[in-house]
PDB file of N, CA and C in Angstrom:
ATOM      1  N   GLY A   1      89.437 164.927  55.385  1.00  0.00           N
ATOM      2  CA  GLY A   1      90.757 165.504  55.601  1.00  0.00           C
ATOM      3  C   GLY A   1      91.161 165.439  57.072  1.00  0.00           C
ATOM      4  N   LEU A   2      92.342 165.948  57.354  1.00  0.00           N
ATOM      5  CA  LEU A   2      92.860 165.907  58.723  1.00  0.00           C
ATOM      6  C   LEU A   2      91.990 166.731  59.664  1.00  0.00           C
ATOM      7  N   LEU A   3      91.551 167.904  59.204  1.00  0.00           N
ATOM      8  CA  LEU A   3      90.740 168.767  60.063  1.00  0.00           C
ATOM      9  C   LEU A   3      89.438 168.074  60.446  1.00  0.00           C
ATOM     10  N   GLN A   4      88.826 167.381  59.492  1.00  0.00           N
ATOM     11  CA  GLN A   4      87.580 166.672  59.778  1.00  0.00           C
ATOM     12  C   GLN A   4      87.816 165.582  60.809  1.00  0.00           C
ATOM     13  N   THR A   5      88.938 164.873  60.684  1.00  0.00           N
ATOM     14  CA  THR A   5      89.265 163.810  61.639  1.00  0.00           C
ATOM     15  C   THR A   5      89.429 164.390  63.036  1.00  0.00           C
ATOM     16  N   ILE A   6      90.134 165.511  63.135  1.00  0.00           N
ATOM     17  CA  ILE A   6      90.340 166.158  64.432  1.00  0.00           C
ATOM     18  C   ILE A   6      89.002 166.604  65.012  1.00  0.00           C
ATOM     19  N   THR A   7      88.141 167.168  64.169  1.00  0.00           N
ATOM     20  CA  THR A   7      86.837 167.624  64.631  1.00  0.00           C
ATOM     21  C   THR A   7      86.026 166.465  65.186  1.00  0.00           C
ATOM     22  N   GLU A   8      86.042 165.324  64.487  1.00  0.00           N
ATOM     23  CA  GLU A   8      85.306 164.149  64.953  1.00  0.00           C
ATOM     24  C   GLU A   8      85.847 163.673  66.296  1.00  0.00           C
ATOM     25  N   LYS A   9      87.168 163.681  66.450  1.00  0.00           N
ATOM     26  CA  LYS A   9      87.770 163.244  67.715  1.00  0.00           C
ATOM     27  C   LYS A   9      87.382 164.191  68.842  1.00  0.00           C
ATOM     28  N   LEU A  10      87.345 165.487  68.550  1.00  0.00           N
ATOM     29  CA  LEU A  10      86.955 166.458  69.571  1.00  0.00           C
ATOM     30  C   LEU A  10      85.498 166.249  69.971  1.00  0.00           C
ATOM     31  N   LYS A  11      84.634 165.939  68.996  1.00  0.00           N
ATOM     32  CA  LYS A  11      83.226 165.679  69.298  1.00  0.00           C
ATOM     33  C   LYS A  11      83.101 164.465  70.205  1.00  0.00           C
ATOM     34  N   GLU A  12      83.867 163.405  69.889  1.00  0.00           N
ATOM     35  CA  GLU A  12      83.828 162.195  70.714  1.00  0.00           C
ATOM     36  C   GLU A  12      84.303 162.516  72.131  1.00  0.00           C
ATOM     37  N   PHE A  13      85.384 163.285  72.236  1.00  0.00           N
ATOM     38  CA  PHE A  13      85.944 163.642  73.534  1.00  0.00           C
ATOM     39  C   PHE A  13      84.947 164.469  74.343  1.00  0.00           C
ATOM     40  N   ALA A  14      84.342 165.464  73.694  1.00  0.00           N
ATOM     41  CA  ALA A  14      83.372 166.320  74.371  1.00  0.00           C
ATOM     42  C   ALA A  14      82.163 165.497  74.808  1.00  0.00           C
ATOM     43  N   GLY A  15      81.711 164.597  73.943  1.00  0.00           N
ATOM     44  CA  GLY A  15      80.580 163.737  74.282  1.00  0.00           C
ATOM     45  C   GLY A  15      80.898 162.879  75.492  1.00  0.00           C
ATOM     46  N   GLY A  16      82.123 162.377  75.570  1.00  0.00           N
ATOM     47  CA  GLY A  16      82.538 161.563  76.710  1.00  0.00           C
ATOM     48  C   GLY A  16      82.540 162.386  77.991  1.00  0.00           C
ATOM     49  N   LEU A  17      82.989 163.631  77.899  1.00  0.00           N
ATOM     50  CA  LEU A  17      83.003 164.495  79.080  1.00  0.00           C
ATOM     51  C   LEU A  17      81.585 164.764  79.561  1.00  0.00           C
ATOM     52  N   VAL A  18      80.686 165.059  78.633  1.00  0.00           N
ATOM     53  CA  VAL A  18      79.299 165.344  78.995  1.00  0.00           C
ATOM     54  C   VAL A  18      78.676 164.124  79.662  1.00  0.00           C
ATOM     55  N   THR A  19      78.928 162.945  79.081  1.00  0.00           N
ATOM     56  CA  THR A  19      78.384 161.708  79.646  1.00  0.00           C
ATOM     57  C   THR A  19      78.945 161.484  81.049  1.00  0.00           C
ATOM     58  N   GLY A  20      80.232 161.748  81.238  1.00  0.00           N
ATOM     59  CA  GLY A  20      80.857 161.561  82.548  1.00  0.00           C
ATOM     60  C   GLY A  20      80.273 162.499  83.591  1.00  0.00           C
ATOM     61  N   VAL A  21      79.993 163.741  83.192  1.00  0.00           N
ATOM     62  CA  VAL A  21      79.446 164.719  84.130  1.00  0.00           C
ATOM     63  C   VAL A  21      78.015 164.347  84.506  1.00  0.00           C
ATOM     64  N   GLN A  22      77.242 163.892  83.539  1.00  0.00           N
ATOM     65  CA  GLN A  22      75.838 163.590  83.781  1.00  0.00           C
ATOM     66  C   GLN A  22      75.665 162.346  84.646  1.00  0.00           C
ATOM     67  N   SER A  23      76.566 161.361  84.513  1.00  0.00           N
ATOM     68  CA  SER A  23      76.405 160.111  85.252  1.00  0.00           C
ATOM     69  C   SER A  23      76.805 160.265  86.718  1.00  0.00           C
TER      70      SER A  23
END
């Protein structure tokens, strides 16, 4: 559903932020 899609996008976004901070 739409909520699941949004959740997945938020996970990807958060993962990108974490990777950016760590590098």
